[in-house]
């Protein structure tokens, strides 16, 4: 069985001047381009519910499609999946 490609984390340290420079958008754009070239039309991004990055994915048009609870080092956390049916909407924004 062929495994779908995935990205574990995208993180730009807020202690530097990297945030709000369009770097995250460019990363997502490149990921969407790669998925499209690989024949994959849709994408999910799992984000911790309390993470301010939820607003980033919503601003990119991500729709909340699922929620789940995970456990990390004994702590239960809620995750939200933001999805895009067509990754082309993420390219060359």
N, C-alpha and C. Protein backbone atom coordinates (compact mmCIF):
# COMPACT_ATOMS: atom_id res chain seq x y z
N UNK A 1 0.84 -1.18 0.00
CA UNK A 1 0.00 0.00 0.00
C UNK A 1 0.89 1.25 0.00
N UNK A 2 0.57 2.17 -0.89
CA UNK A 2 1.33 3.42 -0.98
C UNK A 2 0.88 4.37 0.13
N UNK A 3 1.83 4.91 0.82
CA UNK A 3 1.54 5.84 1.91
C UNK A 3 1.41 7.26 1.37
N UNK A 4 0.41 7.99 1.84
CA UNK A 4 0.23 9.38 1.43
C UNK A 4 1.30 10.25 2.07
N UNK A 5 1.78 11.25 1.34
CA UNK A 5 2.78 12.15 1.92
C UNK A 5 2.15 13.01 3.01
N UNK A 6 2.97 13.40 3.97
CA UNK A 6 2.47 14.26 5.03
C UNK A 6 3.58 15.11 5.60
N UNK A 7 3.18 16.20 6.21
CA UNK A 7 4.09 17.11 6.90
C UNK A 7 3.77 17.00 8.38
N UNK A 8 4.79 16.86 9.20
CA UNK A 8 4.57 16.73 10.63
C UNK A 8 4.25 18.08 11.27
N UNK A 9 5.09 19.06 11.07
CA UNK A 9 4.90 20.36 11.70
C UNK A 9 5.37 21.48 10.79
N UNK A 10 4.68 22.59 10.90
CA UNK A 10 5.17 23.85 10.33
C UNK A 10 5.20 24.82 11.50
N UNK A 11 6.37 25.35 11.78
CA UNK A 11 6.49 26.24 12.93
C UNK A 11 7.46 27.35 12.62
N UNK A 12 7.03 28.57 12.81
CA UNK A 12 7.90 29.73 12.68
C UNK A 12 8.01 30.37 14.04
N UNK A 13 9.21 30.42 14.56
CA UNK A 13 9.45 30.92 15.90
C UNK A 13 9.01 32.38 16.04
N UNK A 14 8.13 32.62 16.99
CA UNK A 14 7.61 33.97 17.18
C UNK A 14 8.63 34.92 17.78
N UNK A 15 9.76 34.41 18.25
CA UNK A 15 10.79 35.27 18.83
C UNK A 15 11.67 35.91 17.77
N UNK A 16 11.41 35.56 16.53
CA UNK A 16 12.17 36.16 15.42
C UNK A 16 11.18 36.90 14.53
N UNK A 17 11.67 37.58 13.56
CA UNK A 17 10.82 38.36 12.67
C UNK A 17 10.33 37.56 11.47
N UNK A 18 10.13 36.25 11.63
CA UNK A 18 9.71 35.41 10.52
C UNK A 18 8.20 35.35 10.36
N UNK A 19 7.47 35.55 11.44
CA UNK A 19 6.01 35.48 11.34
C UNK A 19 5.48 36.72 10.64
N UNK A 20 4.34 36.54 9.98
CA UNK A 20 3.65 37.61 9.25
C UNK A 20 4.48 38.16 8.09
N UNK A 21 5.34 37.29 7.54
CA UNK A 21 6.14 37.66 6.37
C UNK A 21 5.72 36.88 5.12
N UNK A 22 4.69 36.04 5.24
CA UNK A 22 4.22 35.24 4.11
C UNK A 22 4.95 33.92 3.95
N UNK A 23 5.83 33.60 4.88
CA UNK A 23 6.61 32.35 4.77
C UNK A 23 5.70 31.14 4.92
N UNK A 24 4.79 31.16 5.87
CA UNK A 24 3.87 30.04 6.07
C UNK A 24 3.00 29.81 4.84
N UNK A 25 2.50 30.89 4.26
CA UNK A 25 1.69 30.78 3.03
C UNK A 25 2.49 30.15 1.90
N UNK A 26 3.75 30.60 1.77
CA UNK A 26 4.60 30.04 0.71
C UNK A 26 4.86 28.55 0.94
N UNK A 27 5.08 28.16 2.19
CA UNK A 27 5.27 26.74 2.49
C UNK A 27 4.03 25.92 2.12
N UNK A 28 2.86 26.41 2.49
CA UNK A 28 1.62 25.72 2.16
C UNK A 28 1.43 25.66 0.65
N UNK A 29 1.74 26.75 -0.02
CA UNK A 29 1.63 26.78 -1.48
C UNK A 29 2.51 25.71 -2.12
N UNK A 30 3.75 25.60 -1.65
CA UNK A 30 4.67 24.60 -2.20
C UNK A 30 4.19 23.18 -1.91
N UNK A 31 3.65 22.97 -0.72
CA UNK A 31 3.11 21.65 -0.37
C UNK A 31 1.94 21.32 -1.30
N UNK A 32 1.05 22.29 -1.52
CA UNK A 32 -0.10 22.07 -2.40
C UNK A 32 0.35 21.77 -3.83
N UNK A 33 1.37 22.48 -4.30
CA UNK A 33 1.91 22.22 -5.65
C UNK A 33 2.45 20.80 -5.75
N UNK A 34 3.20 20.39 -4.75
CA UNK A 34 3.78 19.04 -4.75
C UNK A 34 2.68 17.97 -4.72
N UNK A 35 1.66 18.18 -3.89
CA UNK A 35 0.54 17.24 -3.84
C UNK A 35 -0.16 17.16 -5.19
N UNK A 36 -0.38 18.31 -5.80
CA UNK A 36 -1.06 18.35 -7.10
C UNK A 36 -0.25 17.61 -8.16
N UNK A 37 1.08 17.85 -8.19
CA UNK A 37 1.93 17.15 -9.15
C UNK A 37 1.95 15.64 -8.92
N UNK A 38 1.70 15.24 -7.68
CA UNK A 38 1.67 13.82 -7.33
C UNK A 38 0.30 13.19 -7.58
N UNK A 39 -0.63 14.00 -8.07
CA UNK A 39 -1.97 13.49 -8.36
C UNK A 39 -2.92 13.51 -7.17
N UNK A 40 -2.54 14.21 -6.12
CA UNK A 40 -3.40 14.31 -4.94
C UNK A 40 -4.08 15.68 -4.96
N UNK A 41 -5.39 15.67 -4.93
CA UNK A 41 -6.14 16.91 -5.10
C UNK A 41 -6.56 17.55 -3.79
N UNK A 42 -6.55 16.80 -2.70
CA UNK A 42 -7.04 17.35 -1.44
C UNK A 42 -5.97 17.30 -0.36
N UNK A 43 -6.24 18.00 0.74
CA UNK A 43 -5.24 18.09 1.80
C UNK A 43 -5.94 18.32 3.14
N UNK A 44 -5.35 17.78 4.20
CA UNK A 44 -5.79 18.01 5.58
C UNK A 44 -4.62 18.56 6.38
N UNK A 45 -4.94 19.43 7.33
CA UNK A 45 -3.95 19.92 8.28
C UNK A 45 -4.53 19.74 9.68
N UNK A 46 -3.87 18.92 10.49
CA UNK A 46 -4.31 18.73 11.88
C UNK A 46 -3.62 19.77 12.75
N UNK A 47 -4.42 20.47 13.56
CA UNK A 47 -3.92 21.57 14.38
C UNK A 47 -4.50 21.43 15.78
N UNK A 48 -3.68 21.64 16.79
CA UNK A 48 -4.21 21.63 18.15
C UNK A 48 -5.23 22.75 18.30
N UNK A 49 -6.33 22.43 18.93
CA UNK A 49 -7.46 23.36 19.05
C UNK A 49 -7.07 24.71 19.66
N UNK A 50 -6.16 24.73 20.61
CA UNK A 50 -5.77 25.96 21.29
C UNK A 50 -4.67 26.73 20.55
N UNK A 51 -4.24 26.22 19.42
CA UNK A 51 -3.14 26.82 18.68
C UNK A 51 -3.65 28.02 17.87
N UNK A 52 -3.00 29.18 17.99
CA UNK A 52 -3.40 30.33 17.18
C UNK A 52 -3.29 30.07 15.68
N UNK A 53 -2.57 29.02 15.27
CA UNK A 53 -2.45 28.68 13.86
C UNK A 53 -3.79 28.28 13.24
N UNK A 54 -4.77 27.97 14.07
CA UNK A 54 -6.11 27.67 13.54
C UNK A 54 -6.58 28.83 12.66
N UNK A 55 -6.32 30.04 13.10
CA UNK A 55 -6.73 31.22 12.32
C UNK A 55 -5.99 31.29 10.98
N UNK A 56 -4.74 30.87 10.97
CA UNK A 56 -3.95 30.83 9.74
C UNK A 56 -4.60 29.90 8.72
N UNK A 57 -4.94 28.69 9.14
CA UNK A 57 -5.54 27.72 8.22
C UNK A 57 -6.94 28.15 7.79
N UNK A 58 -7.69 28.78 8.67
CA UNK A 58 -9.01 29.30 8.30
C UNK A 58 -8.86 30.41 7.26
N UNK A 59 -7.86 31.27 7.44
CA UNK A 59 -7.62 32.37 6.49
C UNK A 59 -7.24 31.84 5.12
N UNK A 60 -6.66 30.64 5.07
CA UNK A 60 -6.31 30.02 3.80
C UNK A 60 -7.48 29.25 3.19
N UNK A 61 -8.63 29.34 3.83
CA UNK A 61 -9.82 28.68 3.29
C UNK A 61 -10.05 27.28 3.80
N UNK A 62 -9.27 26.85 4.77
CA UNK A 62 -9.47 25.51 5.33
C UNK A 62 -10.79 25.41 6.06
N UNK A 63 -11.50 24.33 5.83
CA UNK A 63 -12.78 24.08 6.48
C UNK A 63 -12.58 23.02 7.56
N UNK A 64 -13.16 23.22 8.72
CA UNK A 64 -13.07 22.22 9.78
C UNK A 64 -13.86 20.99 9.34
N UNK A 65 -13.17 19.86 9.23
CA UNK A 65 -13.82 18.64 8.75
C UNK A 65 -13.88 17.53 9.79
N UNK A 66 -13.07 17.63 10.83
CA UNK A 66 -13.05 16.58 11.83
C UNK A 66 -12.38 17.10 13.10
N UNK A 67 -12.71 16.47 14.22
CA UNK A 67 -12.03 16.73 15.49
C UNK A 67 -11.69 15.38 16.11
N UNK A 68 -10.62 15.36 16.87
CA UNK A 68 -10.27 14.16 17.60
C UNK A 68 -9.49 14.55 18.85
N UNK A 69 -9.48 13.64 19.79
CA UNK A 69 -8.71 13.86 21.01
C UNK A 69 -7.50 12.94 20.96
N UNK A 70 -6.34 13.50 21.27
CA UNK A 70 -5.11 12.72 21.32
C UNK A 70 -4.53 12.83 22.72
N UNK A 71 -3.60 11.95 23.02
CA UNK A 71 -2.90 12.04 24.29
C UNK A 71 -1.42 12.19 24.01
N UNK A 72 -0.83 13.20 24.61
CA UNK A 72 0.60 13.48 24.44
C UNK A 72 1.22 13.63 25.81
N UNK A 73 2.12 12.74 26.13
CA UNK A 73 2.80 12.74 27.44
C UNK A 73 1.79 12.82 28.59
N UNK A 74 0.72 12.03 28.47
CA UNK A 74 -0.27 11.93 29.52
C UNK A 74 -1.31 13.05 29.56
N UNK A 75 -1.21 13.98 28.62
CA UNK A 75 -2.16 15.09 28.56
C UNK A 75 -3.09 14.89 27.37
N UNK A 76 -4.39 15.01 27.61
CA UNK A 76 -5.36 14.89 26.52
C UNK A 76 -5.51 16.24 25.84
N UNK A 77 -5.38 16.22 24.52
CA UNK A 77 -5.46 17.44 23.72
C UNK A 77 -6.47 17.25 22.60
N UNK A 78 -7.14 18.31 22.22
CA UNK A 78 -8.08 18.27 21.10
C UNK A 78 -7.38 18.78 19.85
N UNK A 79 -7.58 18.05 18.75
CA UNK A 79 -7.06 18.45 17.45
C UNK A 79 -8.22 18.71 16.51
N UNK A 80 -8.02 19.65 15.61
CA UNK A 80 -8.98 19.96 14.57
C UNK A 80 -8.32 19.70 13.22
N UNK A 81 -9.05 19.06 12.32
CA UNK A 81 -8.57 18.87 10.95
C UNK A 81 -9.20 19.92 10.06
N UNK A 82 -8.35 20.71 9.42
CA UNK A 82 -8.80 21.67 8.42
C UNK A 82 -8.53 21.03 7.06
N UNK A 83 -9.52 21.10 6.18
CA UNK A 83 -9.38 20.43 4.90
C UNK A 83 -9.64 21.33 3.71
N UNK A 84 -9.02 20.95 2.62
CA UNK A 84 -9.22 21.59 1.32
C UNK A 84 -9.52 20.47 0.34
N UNK A 85 -10.66 20.57 -0.36
CA UNK A 85 -11.02 19.56 -1.34
C UNK A 85 -10.13 19.67 -2.56
N UNK A 86 -9.78 20.88 -2.93
CA UNK A 86 -8.95 21.11 -4.12
C UNK A 86 -7.74 21.96 -3.72
N UNK A 87 -6.56 21.35 -3.74
CA UNK A 87 -5.34 22.06 -3.35
C UNK A 87 -4.99 23.20 -4.29
N UNK A 88 -5.60 23.24 -5.47
CA UNK A 88 -5.30 24.33 -6.41
C UNK A 88 -5.66 25.70 -5.84
N UNK A 89 -6.63 25.74 -4.92
CA UNK A 89 -7.00 27.04 -4.31
C UNK A 89 -5.88 27.57 -3.43
N UNK A 90 -4.93 26.74 -3.07
CA UNK A 90 -3.82 27.15 -2.22
C UNK A 90 -2.59 27.58 -3.03
N UNK A 91 -2.63 27.33 -4.33
CA UNK A 91 -1.46 27.63 -5.15
C UNK A 91 -1.55 29.04 -5.72
N UNK A 92 -0.42 29.73 -5.72
CA UNK A 92 -0.28 31.06 -6.31
C UNK A 92 -1.36 32.01 -5.83
N UNK A 93 -1.50 32.07 -4.52
CA UNK A 93 -2.49 32.98 -3.92
C UNK A 93 -2.00 34.39 -3.97
